[in-house]
């Protein structure tokens, strides 16, 4: 995955979700569960980088941060439960997809 649109399109493949733009800044998109309205992916551009914030089980939060320098504490979110993944090409798509799936499950 290389672009913001790649992330959005992949997240929209999950069941009963929708894309939302809750802020005046349309650089920020969120993907929500249709039923409970909870966000499982915050997708945005910051400092010329495409980023996605994803919820993570506390026992895995440090694993991902230690595995990839592009996985950082969640920007503007509770750093105990959220990571930011920067799309810089260093995190394999399979790992990004795994983190997205976990975030989806944790917020369902």
PDB file of N, CA and C in Angstrom:
ATOM      1  N   UNK A   1       0.839  -1.173   0.000  1.00  0.00           N
ATOM      2  CA  UNK A   1       0.000   0.000   0.000  1.00  0.00           C
ATOM      3  C   UNK A   1       0.880   1.230   0.000  1.00  0.00           C
ATOM      4  N   UNK A   2       0.521   2.160  -0.872  1.00  0.00           N
ATOM      5  CA  UNK A   2       1.367   3.338  -1.029  1.00  0.00           C
ATOM      6  C   UNK A   2       0.638   4.658  -0.829  1.00  0.00           C
ATOM      7  N   UNK A   3      -0.679   4.661  -1.015  1.00  0.00           N
ATOM      8  CA  UNK A   3      -1.400   5.927  -0.981  1.00  0.00           C
ATOM      9  C   UNK A   3      -2.524   5.893   0.055  1.00  0.00           C
ATOM     10  N   UNK A   4      -3.013   7.083   0.340  1.00  0.00           N
ATOM     11  CA  UNK A   4      -4.167   7.209   1.229  1.00  0.00           C
ATOM     12  C   UNK A   4      -5.359   6.453   0.650  1.00  0.00           C
ATOM     13  N   UNK A   5      -5.547   6.558  -0.658  1.00  0.00           N
ATOM     14  CA  UNK A   5      -6.663   5.875  -1.312  1.00  0.00           C
ATOM     15  C   UNK A   5      -6.525   4.354  -1.238  1.00  0.00           C
ATOM     16  N   UNK A   6      -5.299   3.844  -1.323  1.00  0.00           N
ATOM     17  CA  UNK A   6      -5.069   2.397  -1.153  1.00  0.00           C
ATOM     18  C   UNK A   6      -5.569   1.932   0.212  1.00  0.00           C
ATOM     19  N   UNK A   7      -5.250   2.705   1.251  1.00  0.00           N
ATOM     20  CA  UNK A   7      -5.688   2.353   2.601  1.00  0.00           C
ATOM     21  C   UNK A   7      -7.204   2.388   2.720  1.00  0.00           C
ATOM     22  N   UNK A   8      -7.802   3.461   2.212  1.00  0.00           N
ATOM     23  CA  UNK A   8      -9.256   3.601   2.283  1.00  0.00           C
ATOM     24  C   UNK A   8      -9.932   2.440   1.570  1.00  0.00           C
ATOM     25  N   UNK A   9      -9.485   2.143   0.354  1.00  0.00           N
ATOM     26  CA  UNK A   9     -10.109   1.064  -0.421  1.00  0.00           C
ATOM     27  C   UNK A   9      -9.983  -0.272   0.293  1.00  0.00           C
ATOM     28  N   UNK A  10      -8.824  -0.554   0.883  1.00  0.00           N
ATOM     29  CA  UNK A  10      -8.662  -1.819   1.594  1.00  0.00           C
ATOM     30  C   UNK A  10      -9.578  -1.865   2.814  1.00  0.00           C
ATOM     31  N   UNK A  11      -9.609  -0.810   3.606  1.00  0.00           N
ATOM     32  CA  UNK A  11     -10.449  -0.794   4.817  1.00  0.00           C
ATOM     33  C   UNK A  11     -11.921  -0.973   4.469  1.00  0.00           C
ATOM     34  N   UNK A  12     -12.345  -0.450   3.329  1.00  0.00           N
ATOM     35  CA  UNK A  12     -13.744  -0.566   2.936  1.00  0.00           C
ATOM     36  C   UNK A  12     -14.133  -1.978   2.503  1.00  0.00           C
ATOM     37  N   UNK A  13     -13.157  -2.887   2.417  1.00  0.00           N
ATOM     38  CA  UNK A  13     -13.488  -4.281   2.091  1.00  0.00           C
ATOM     39  C   UNK A  13     -14.037  -5.027   3.308  1.00  0.00           C
ATOM     40  N   UNK A  14     -13.881  -4.444   4.489  1.00  0.00           N
ATOM     41  CA  UNK A  14     -14.406  -5.076   5.694  1.00  0.00           C
ATOM     42  C   UNK A  14     -15.924  -4.917   5.749  1.00  0.00           C
ATOM     43  N   UNK A  15     -16.563  -5.845   6.436  1.00  0.00           N
ATOM     44  CA  UNK A  15     -18.022  -5.908   6.491  1.00  0.00           C
ATOM     45  C   UNK A  15     -18.605  -4.764   7.331  1.00  0.00           C
ATOM     46  N   UNK A  16     -19.671  -4.155   6.815  1.00  0.00           N
ATOM     47  CA  UNK A  16     -20.462  -3.149   7.544  1.00  0.00           C
ATOM     48  C   UNK A  16     -19.626  -1.974   8.047  1.00  0.00           C
ATOM     49  N   UNK A  17     -18.840  -1.398   7.155  1.00  0.00           N
ATOM     50  CA  UNK A  17     -18.046  -0.210   7.489  1.00  0.00           C
ATOM     51  C   UNK A  17     -18.344   0.896   6.481  1.00  0.00           C
ATOM     52  N   UNK A  18     -17.959   2.115   6.829  1.00  0.00           N
ATOM     53  CA  UNK A  18     -18.119   3.226   5.898  1.00  0.00           C
ATOM     54  C   UNK A  18     -17.040   4.277   6.123  1.00  0.00           C
ATOM     55  N   UNK A  19     -16.814   5.069   5.107  1.00  0.00           N
ATOM     56  CA  UNK A  19     -15.830   6.143   5.104  1.00  0.00           C
ATOM     57  C   UNK A  19     -16.508   7.420   5.597  1.00  0.00           C
ATOM     58  N   UNK A  20     -15.808   8.193   6.438  1.00  0.00           N
ATOM     59  CA  UNK A  20     -16.359   9.417   6.997  1.00  0.00           C
ATOM     60  C   UNK A  20     -15.270  10.485   7.034  1.00  0.00           C
ATOM     61  N   UNK A  21     -15.684  11.737   6.989  1.00  0.00           N
ATOM     62  CA  UNK A  21     -14.778  12.881   7.077  1.00  0.00           C
ATOM     63  C   UNK A  21     -15.298  13.800   8.182  1.00  0.00           C
ATOM     64  N   UNK A  22     -14.964  13.500   9.458  1.00  0.00           N
ATOM     65  CA  UNK A  22     -15.556  14.227  10.578  1.00  0.00           C
ATOM     66  C   UNK A  22     -14.952  15.610  10.850  1.00  0.00           C
ATOM     67  N   UNK A  23     -13.875  15.945  10.178  1.00  0.00           N
ATOM     68  CA  UNK A  23     -13.205  17.211  10.436  1.00  0.00           C
ATOM     69  C   UNK A  23     -13.302  18.114   9.211  1.00  0.00           C
ATOM     70  N   UNK A  24     -13.059  19.373   9.414  1.00  0.00           N
ATOM     71  CA  UNK A  24     -13.056  20.316   8.279  1.00  0.00           C
ATOM     72  C   UNK A  24     -11.881  20.059   7.340  1.00  0.00           C
ATOM     73  N   UNK A  25     -10.841  19.457   7.875  1.00  0.00           N
ATOM     74  CA  UNK A  25      -9.656  19.113   7.086  1.00  0.00           C
ATOM     75  C   UNK A  25      -9.919  17.790   6.375  1.00  0.00           C
ATOM     76  N   UNK A  26     -10.142  17.840   5.085  1.00  0.00           N
ATOM     77  CA  UNK A  26     -10.461  16.625   4.331  1.00  0.00           C
ATOM     78  C   UNK A  26      -9.247  15.726   4.082  1.00  0.00           C
ATOM     79  N   UNK A  27      -8.110  16.110   4.623  1.00  0.00           N
ATOM     80  CA  UNK A  27      -6.956  15.212   4.582  1.00  0.00           C
ATOM     81  C   UNK A  27      -7.164  14.048   5.544  1.00  0.00           C
ATOM     82  N   UNK A  28      -8.098  14.212   6.483  1.00  0.00           N
ATOM     83  CA  UNK A  28      -8.384  13.180   7.480  1.00  0.00           C
ATOM     84  C   UNK A  28      -9.629  12.415   7.090  1.00  0.00           C
ATOM     85  N   UNK A  29      -9.474  11.122   6.853  1.00  0.00           N
ATOM     86  CA  UNK A  29     -10.609  10.228   6.630  1.00  0.00           C
ATOM     87  C   UNK A  29     -10.614   9.223   7.778  1.00  0.00           C
ATOM     88  N   UNK A  30     -11.789   8.802   8.167  1.00  0.00           N
ATOM     89  CA  UNK A  30     -11.885   7.729   9.149  1.00  0.00           C
ATOM     90  C   UNK A  30     -12.759   6.638   8.567  1.00  0.00           C
ATOM     91  N   UNK A  31     -12.486   5.420   8.966  1.00  0.00           N
ATOM     92  CA  UNK A  31     -13.322   4.287   8.579  1.00  0.00           C
ATOM     93  C   UNK A  31     -13.994   3.792   9.854  1.00  0.00           C
ATOM     94  N   UNK A  32     -15.332   3.752   9.803  1.00  0.00           N
ATOM     95  CA  UNK A  32     -16.129   3.420  10.984  1.00  0.00           C
ATOM     96  C   UNK A  32     -16.939   2.153  10.770  1.00  0.00           C
ATOM     97  N   UNK A  33     -17.280   1.526  11.883  1.00  0.00           N
ATOM     98  CA  UNK A  33     -18.247   0.436  11.877  1.00  0.00           C
ATOM     99  C   UNK A  33     -19.631   1.054  11.717  1.00  0.00           C
ATOM    100  N   UNK A  34     -20.413   0.504  10.846  1.00  0.00           N
ATOM    101  CA  UNK A  34     -21.758   1.021  10.602  1.00  0.00           C
ATOM    102  C   UNK A  34     -22.643   0.900  11.851  1.00  0.00           C
ATOM    103  N   UNK A  35     -22.500  -0.204  12.578  1.00  0.00           N
ATOM    104  CA  UNK A  35     -23.404  -0.486  13.697  1.00  0.00           C
ATOM    105  C   UNK A  35     -23.145   0.406  14.919  1.00  0.00           C
ATOM    106  N   UNK A  36     -21.875   0.508  15.350  1.00  0.00           N
ATOM    107  CA  UNK A  36     -21.577   1.250  16.578  1.00  0.00           C
ATOM    108  C   UNK A  36     -20.896   2.598  16.339  1.00  0.00           C
ATOM    109  N   UNK A  37     -20.593   2.916  15.088  1.00  0.00           N
ATOM    110  CA  UNK A  37     -19.968   4.180  14.673  1.00  0.00           C
ATOM    111  C   UNK A  37     -18.526   4.355  15.160  1.00  0.00           C
ATOM    112  N   UNK A  38     -17.951   3.318  15.774  1.00  0.00           N
ATOM    113  CA  UNK A  38     -16.573   3.413  16.257  1.00  0.00           C
ATOM    114  C   UNK A  38     -15.594   3.411  15.084  1.00  0.00           C
ATOM    115  N   UNK A  39     -14.553   4.197  15.231  1.00  0.00           N
ATOM    116  CA  UNK A  39     -13.501   4.296  14.215  1.00  0.00           C
ATOM    117  C   UNK A  39     -12.485   3.182  14.434  1.00  0.00           C
ATOM    118  N   UNK A  40     -12.111   2.505  13.343  1.00  0.00           N
ATOM    119  CA  UNK A  40     -11.016   1.528  13.465  1.00  0.00           C
ATOM    120  C   UNK A  40      -9.800   1.944  12.657  1.00  0.00           C
ATOM    121  N   UNK A  41      -9.938   2.959  11.796  1.00  0.00           N
ATOM    122  CA  UNK A  41      -8.786   3.447  11.028  1.00  0.00           C
ATOM    123  C   UNK A  41      -8.903   4.955  10.818  1.00  0.00           C
ATOM    124  N   UNK A  42      -7.887   5.659  11.206  1.00  0.00           N
ATOM    125  CA  UNK A  42      -7.758   7.101  10.967  1.00  0.00           C
ATOM    126  C   UNK A  42      -6.701   7.239   9.877  1.00  0.00           C
ATOM    127  N   UNK A  43      -7.081   7.757   8.732  1.00  0.00           N
ATOM    128  CA  UNK A  43      -6.179   7.817   7.583  1.00  0.00           C
ATOM    129  C   UNK A  43      -5.963   9.282   7.215  1.00  0.00           C
ATOM    130  N   UNK A  44      -4.705   9.690   7.112  1.00  0.00           N
ATOM    131  CA  UNK A  44      -4.414  11.110   6.916  1.00  0.00           C
ATOM    132  C   UNK A  44      -3.016  11.325   6.340  1.00  0.00           C
ATOM    133  N   UNK A  45      -2.786  12.560   5.951  1.00  0.00           N
ATOM    134  CA  UNK A  45      -1.466  12.985   5.480  1.00  0.00           C
ATOM    135  C   UNK A  45      -0.942  13.992   6.493  1.00  0.00           C
ATOM    136  N   UNK A  46       0.303  13.780   6.938  1.00  0.00           N
ATOM    137  CA  UNK A  46       0.935  14.683   7.908  1.00  0.00           C
ATOM    138  C   UNK A  46       2.418  14.778   7.573  1.00  0.00           C
ATOM    139  N   UNK A  47       2.913  15.993   7.484  1.00  0.00           N
ATOM    140  CA  UNK A  47       4.330  16.213   7.150  1.00  0.00           C
ATOM    141  C   UNK A  47       4.727  15.461   5.883  1.00  0.00           C
ATOM    142  N   UNK A  48       3.879  15.531   4.873  1.00  0.00           N
ATOM    143  CA  UNK A  48       4.118  14.871   3.579  1.00  0.00           C
ATOM    144  C   UNK A  48       4.229  13.348   3.678  1.00  0.00           C
ATOM    145  N   UNK A  49       3.661  12.775   4.734  1.00  0.00           N
ATOM    146  CA  UNK A  49       3.635  11.322   4.876  1.00  0.00           C
ATOM    147  C   UNK A  49       2.183  10.856   4.990  1.00  0.00           C
ATOM    148  N   UNK A  50       1.884   9.725   4.371  1.00  0.00           N
ATOM    149  CA  UNK A  50       0.563   9.116   4.524  1.00  0.00           C
ATOM    150  C   UNK A  50       0.643   8.214   5.755  1.00  0.00           C
ATOM    151  N   UNK A  51      -0.345   8.375   6.644  1.00  0.00           N
ATOM    152  CA  UNK A  51      -0.347   7.650   7.914  1.00  0.00           C
ATOM    153  C   UNK A  51      -1.706   7.005   8.154  1.00  0.00           C
ATOM    154  N   UNK A  52      -1.698   5.963   8.954  1.00  0.00           N
ATOM    155  CA  UNK A  52      -2.937   5.344   9.413  1.00  0.00           C
ATOM    156  C   UNK A  52      -2.770   5.026  10.892  1.00  0.00           C
ATOM    157  N   UNK A  53      -3.755   5.448  11.683  1.00  0.00           N
ATOM    158  CA  UNK A  53      -3.777   5.124  13.108  1.00  0.00           C
ATOM    159  C   UNK A  53      -4.666   3.896  13.290  1.00  0.00           C
ATOM    160  N   UNK A  54      -4.159   2.923  14.036  1.00  0.00           N
ATOM    161  CA  UNK A  54      -4.863   1.657  14.220  1.00  0.00           C
ATOM    162  C   UNK A  54      -4.831   1.240  15.683  1.00  0.00           C
ATOM    163  N   UNK A  55      -5.954   0.739  16.166  1.00  0.00           N
ATOM    164  CA  UNK A  55      -6.023   0.241  17.537  1.00  0.00           C
ATOM    165  C   UNK A  55      -5.273  -1.082  17.614  1.00  0.00           C
ATOM    166  N   UNK A  56      -4.652  -1.295  18.762  1.00  0.00           N
ATOM    167  CA  UNK A  56      -3.823  -2.481  18.932  1.00  0.00           C
ATOM    168  C   UNK A  56      -4.003  -3.009  20.346  1.00  0.00           C
ATOM    169  N   UNK A  57      -4.002  -4.307  20.500  1.00  0.00           N
ATOM    170  CA  UNK A  57      -4.055  -4.905  21.831  1.00  0.00           C
ATOM    171  C   UNK A  57      -2.808  -4.474  22.602  1.00  0.00           C
ATOM    172  N   UNK A  58      -2.961  -4.101  23.872  1.00  0.00           N
ATOM    173  CA  UNK A  58      -1.808  -3.602  24.639  1.00  0.00           C
ATOM    174  C   UNK A  58      -0.602  -4.539  24.633  1.00  0.00           C
ATOM    175  N   UNK A  59      -0.847  -5.846  24.586  1.00  0.00           N
ATOM    176  CA  UNK A  59       0.286  -6.778  24.598  1.00  0.00           C
ATOM    177  C   UNK A  59       1.051  -6.800  23.269  1.00  0.00           C
ATOM    178  N   UNK A  60       0.490  -6.207  22.208  1.00  0.00           N
ATOM    179  CA  UNK A  60       1.148  -6.169  20.898  1.00  0.00           C
ATOM    180  C   UNK A  60       1.690  -4.785  20.548  1.00  0.00           C
ATOM    181  N   UNK A  61       1.322  -3.768  21.298  1.00  0.00           N
ATOM    182  CA  UNK A  61       1.661  -2.397  20.930  1.00  0.00           C
ATOM    183  C   UNK A  61       3.172  -2.195  20.775  1.00  0.00           C
ATOM    184  N   UNK A  62       3.923  -2.671  21.751  1.00  0.00           N
ATOM    185  CA  UNK A  62       5.378  -2.509  21.696  1.00  0.00           C
ATOM    186  C   UNK A  62       6.019  -3.433  20.662  1.00  0.00           C
ATOM    187  N   UNK A  63       5.448  -4.593  20.440  1.00  0.00           N
ATOM    188  CA  UNK A  63       5.974  -5.498  19.414  1.00  0.00           C
ATOM    189  C   UNK A  63       6.053  -4.775  18.072  1.00  0.00           C
ATOM    190  N   UNK A  64       4.934  -4.156  17.663  1.00  0.00           N
ATOM    191  CA  UNK A  64       4.905  -3.479  16.358  1.00  0.00           C
ATOM    192  C   UNK A  64       5.847  -2.279  16.333  1.00  0.00           C
ATOM    193  N   UNK A  65       5.904  -1.535  17.414  1.00  0.00           N
ATOM    194  CA  UNK A  65       6.799  -0.360  17.463  1.00  0.00           C
ATOM    195  C   UNK A  65       8.261  -0.774  17.400  1.00  0.00           C
ATOM    196  N   UNK A  66       8.591  -1.896  17.999  1.00  0.00           N
ATOM    197  CA  UNK A  66       9.973  -2.380  17.966  1.00  0.00           C
ATOM    198  C   UNK A  66      10.314  -3.056  16.638  1.00  0.00           C
ATOM    199  N   UNK A  67       9.315  -3.612  15.977  1.00  0.00           N
ATOM    200  CA  UNK A  67       9.560  -4.322  14.720  1.00  0.00           C
ATOM    201  C   UNK A  67       9.832  -3.363  13.558  1.00  0.00           C
ATOM    202  N   UNK A  68       9.187  -2.189  13.574  1.00  0.00           N
ATOM    203  CA  UNK A  68       9.301  -1.253  12.450  1.00  0.00           C
ATOM    204  C   UNK A  68       9.410   0.184  12.963  1.00  0.00           C
ATOM    205  N   UNK A  69      10.392   0.927  12.477  1.00  0.00           N
ATOM    206  CA  UNK A  69      10.516   2.327  12.889  1.00  0.00           C
ATOM    207  C   UNK A  69       9.355   3.171  12.366  1.00  0.00           C
ATOM    208  N   UNK A  70       8.662   2.692  11.345  1.00  0.00           N
ATOM    209  CA  UNK A  70       7.519   3.417  10.792  1.00  0.00           C
ATOM    210  C   UNK A  70       6.240   3.200  11.605  1.00  0.00           C
ATOM    211  N   UNK A  71       6.305   2.378  12.638  1.00  0.00           N
ATOM    212  CA  UNK A  71       5.175   2.207  13.555  1.00  0.00           C
ATOM    213  C   UNK A  71       5.519   2.977  14.824  1.00  0.00           C
ATOM    214  N   UNK A  72       4.680   3.961  15.105  1.00  0.00           N
ATOM    215  CA  UNK A  72       4.948   4.898  16.203  1.00  0.00           C
ATOM    216  C   UNK A  72       3.735   4.977  17.138  1.00  0.00           C
ATOM    217  N   UNK A  73       3.931   5.570  18.311  1.00  0.00           N
ATOM    218  CA  UNK A  73       2.768   5.786  19.179  1.00  0.00           C
ATOM    219  C   UNK A  73       1.693   6.585  18.443  1.00  0.00           C
ATOM    220  N   UNK A  74       0.446   6.263  18.684  1.00  0.00           N
ATOM    221  CA  UNK A  74      -0.684   6.855  17.970  1.00  0.00           C
ATOM    222  C   UNK A  74      -0.736   8.367  18.044  1.00  0.00           C
ATOM    223  N   UNK A  75      -0.729   9.007  16.905  1.00  0.00           N
ATOM    224  CA  UNK A  75      -0.799  10.469  16.813  1.00  0.00           C
ATOM    225  C   UNK A  75      -2.192  10.929  17.233  1.00  0.00           C
ATOM    226  N   UNK A  76      -2.241  11.773  18.248  1.00  0.00           N
ATOM    227  CA  UNK A  76      -3.485  12.357  18.771  1.00  0.00           C
ATOM    228  C   UNK A  76      -4.440  11.339  19.386  1.00  0.00           C
ATOM    229  N   UNK A  77      -3.943  10.159  19.738  1.00  0.00           N
ATOM    230  CA  UNK A  77      -4.792   9.127  20.337  1.00  0.00           C
ATOM    231  C   UNK A  77      -4.083   8.536  21.553  1.00  0.00           C
ATOM    232  N   UNK A  78      -4.785   7.728  22.326  1.00  0.00           N
ATOM    233  CA  UNK A  78      -4.227   7.087  23.500  1.00  0.00           C
ATOM    234  C   UNK A  78      -3.107   6.132  23.072  1.00  0.00           C
ATOM    235  N   UNK A  79      -1.890   6.468  23.460  1.00  0.00           N
ATOM    236  CA  UNK A  79      -0.717   5.723  23.007  1.00  0.00           C
ATOM    237  C   UNK A  79      -0.612   4.329  23.618  1.00  0.00           C
ATOM    238  N   UNK A  80      -1.454   4.038  24.603  1.00  0.00           N
ATOM    239  CA  UNK A  80      -1.483   2.700  25.198  1.00  0.00           C
ATOM    240  C   UNK A  80      -2.207   1.718  24.273  1.00  0.00           C
ATOM    241  N   UNK A  81      -3.098   2.234  23.412  1.00  0.00           N
ATOM    242  CA  UNK A  81      -3.932   1.370  22.573  1.00  0.00           C
ATOM    243  C   UNK A  81      -3.819   1.630  21.068  1.00  0.00           C
ATOM    244  N   UNK A  82      -3.200   2.721  20.671  1.00  0.00           N
ATOM    245  CA  UNK A  82      -3.187   3.092  19.254  1.00  0.00           C
ATOM    246  C   UNK A  82      -1.769   3.283  18.739  1.00  0.00           C
ATOM    247  N   UNK A  83      -1.522   2.796  17.537  1.00  0.00           N
ATOM    248  CA  UNK A  83      -0.266   3.017  16.824  1.00  0.00           C
ATOM    249  C   UNK A  83      -0.539   3.805  15.549  1.00  0.00           C
ATOM    250  N   UNK A  84       0.451   4.566  15.141  1.00  0.00           N
ATOM    251  CA  UNK A  84       0.448   5.215  13.837  1.00  0.00           C
ATOM    252  C   UNK A  84       1.419   4.451  12.955  1.00  0.00           C
ATOM    253  N   UNK A  85       0.962   4.080  11.766  1.00  0.00           N
ATOM    254  CA  UNK A  85       1.821   3.426  10.785  1.00  0.00           C
ATOM    255  C   UNK A  85       2.042   4.413   9.652  1.00  0.00           C
ATOM    256  N   UNK A  86       3.294   4.732   9.378  1.00  0.00           N
ATOM    257  CA  UNK A  86       3.652   5.636   8.292  1.00  0.00           C
ATOM    258  C   UNK A  86       3.924   4.793   7.053  1.00  0.00           C
ATOM    259  N   UNK A  87       3.285   5.154   5.958  1.00  0.00           N
ATOM    260  CA  UNK A  87       3.490   4.417   4.703  1.00  0.00           C
ATOM    261  C   UNK A  87       4.773   4.905   4.035  1.00  0.00           C
ATOM    262  N   UNK A  88       5.884   4.387   4.494  1.00  0.00           N
ATOM    263  CA  UNK A  88       7.171   4.768   3.905  1.00  0.00           C
ATOM    264  C   UNK A  88       7.807   3.615   3.137  1.00  0.00           C
ATOM    265  N   UNK A  89       7.060   2.515   3.012  1.00  0.00           N
ATOM    266  CA  UNK A  89       7.563   1.370   2.268  1.00  0.00           C
ATOM    267  C   UNK A  89       8.310   0.356   3.113  1.00  0.00           C
ATOM    268  N   UNK A  90       8.484   0.627   4.403  1.00  0.00           N
ATOM    269  CA  UNK A  90       9.267  -0.294   5.232  1.00  0.00           C
ATOM    270  C   UNK A  90       8.417  -1.337   5.956  1.00  0.00           C
ATOM    271  N   UNK A  91       7.114  -1.103   6.046  1.00  0.00           N
ATOM    272  CA  UNK A  91       6.227  -2.079   6.689  1.00  0.00           C
ATOM    273  C   UNK A  91       5.532  -2.867   5.583  1.00  0.00           C
ATOM    274  N   UNK A  92       5.733  -4.178   5.524  1.00  0.00           N
ATOM    275  CA  UNK A  92       5.105  -4.982   4.464  1.00  0.00           C
ATOM    276  C   UNK A  92       3.578  -4.882   4.503  1.00  0.00           C
ATOM    277  N   UNK A  93       2.972  -4.937   3.319  1.00  0.00           N
ATOM    278  CA  UNK A  93       1.511  -4.861   3.220  1.00  0.00           C
ATOM    279  C   UNK A  93       0.826  -5.905   4.095  1.00  0.00           C
ATOM    280  N   UNK A  94       1.386  -7.113   4.163  1.00  0.00           N
ATOM    281  CA  UNK A  94       0.753  -8.166   4.960  1.00  0.00           C
ATOM    282  C   UNK A  94       0.679  -7.763   6.430  1.00  0.00           C
ATOM    283  N   UNK A  95       1.668  -7.044   6.918  1.00  0.00           N
ATOM    284  CA  UNK A  95       1.658  -6.608   8.315  1.00  0.00           C
ATOM    285  C   UNK A  95       0.697  -5.435   8.520  1.00  0.00           C
ATOM    286  N   UNK A  96       0.633  -4.534   7.561  1.00  0.00           N
ATOM    287  CA  UNK A  96      -0.333  -3.435   7.641  1.00  0.00           C
ATOM    288  C   UNK A  96      -1.744  -4.010   7.637  1.00  0.00           C
ATOM    289  N   UNK A  97      -2.002  -4.960   6.763  1.00  0.00           N
ATOM    290  CA  UNK A  97      -3.334  -5.583   6.696  1.00  0.00           C
ATOM    291  C   UNK A  97      -3.665  -6.319   7.988  1.00  0.00           C
ATOM    292  N   UNK A  98      -2.682  -6.963   8.569  1.00  0.00           N
ATOM    293  CA  UNK A  98      -2.903  -7.654   9.844  1.00  0.00           C
ATOM    294  C   UNK A  98      -3.283  -6.657  10.938  1.00  0.00           C
ATOM    295  N   UNK A  99      -2.577  -5.522  10.988  1.00  0.00           N
ATOM    296  CA  UNK A  99      -2.875  -4.501  11.990  1.00  0.00           C
ATOM    297  C   UNK A  99      -4.258  -3.884  11.756  1.00  0.00           C
ATOM    298  N   UNK A 100      -4.631  -3.682  10.495  1.00  0.00           N
ATOM    299  CA  UNK A 100      -5.955  -3.163  10.184  1.00  0.00           C
ATOM    300  C   UNK A 100      -7.024  -4.154  10.661  1.00  0.00           C
ATOM    301  N   UNK A 101      -6.827  -5.427  10.387  1.00  0.00           N
ATOM    302  CA  UNK A 101      -7.770  -6.447  10.820  1.00  0.00           C
ATOM    303  C   UNK A 101      -7.922  -6.503  12.329  1.00  0.00           C
ATOM    304  N   UNK A 102      -6.821  -6.372  13.026  1.00  0.00           N
ATOM    305  CA  UNK A 102      -6.880  -6.367  14.493  1.00  0.00           C
ATOM    306  C   UNK A 102      -7.635  -5.150  14.994  1.00  0.00           C
ATOM    307  N   UNK A 103      -7.380  -3.997  14.412  1.00  0.00           N
ATOM    308  CA  UNK A 103      -8.084  -2.779  14.816  1.00  0.00           C
ATOM    309  C   UNK A 103      -9.577  -2.912  14.567  1.00  0.00           C
ATOM    310  N   UNK A 104      -9.926  -3.486  13.420  1.00  0.00           N
ATOM    311  CA  UNK A 104     -11.342  -3.731  13.095  1.00  0.00           C
ATOM    312  C   UNK A 104     -11.978  -4.609  14.174  1.00  0.00           C
ATOM    313  N   UNK A 105     -11.318  -5.700  14.523  1.00  0.00           N
ATOM    314  CA  UNK A 105     -11.856  -6.635  15.518  1.00  0.00           C
ATOM    315  C   UNK A 105     -11.958  -5.998  16.907  1.00  0.00           C
ATOM    316  N   UNK A 106     -10.982  -5.202  17.286  1.00  0.00           N
ATOM    317  CA  UNK A 106     -10.966  -4.595  18.624  1.00  0.00           C
ATOM    318  C   UNK A 106     -12.039  -3.520  18.794  1.00  0.00           C
ATOM    319  N   UNK A 107     -12.489  -2.932  17.708  1.00  0.00           N
ATOM    320  CA  UNK A 107     -13.456  -1.831  17.803  1.00  0.00           C
ATOM    321  C   UNK A 107     -14.867  -2.264  17.433  1.00  0.00           C
ATOM    322  N   UNK A 108     -15.049  -3.512  17.056  1.00  0.00           N
ATOM    323  CA  UNK A 108     -16.341  -4.031  16.593  1.00  0.00           C
ATOM    324  C   UNK A 108     -17.365  -4.083  17.679  1.00  0.00           C
TER     325      UNK A 108
END
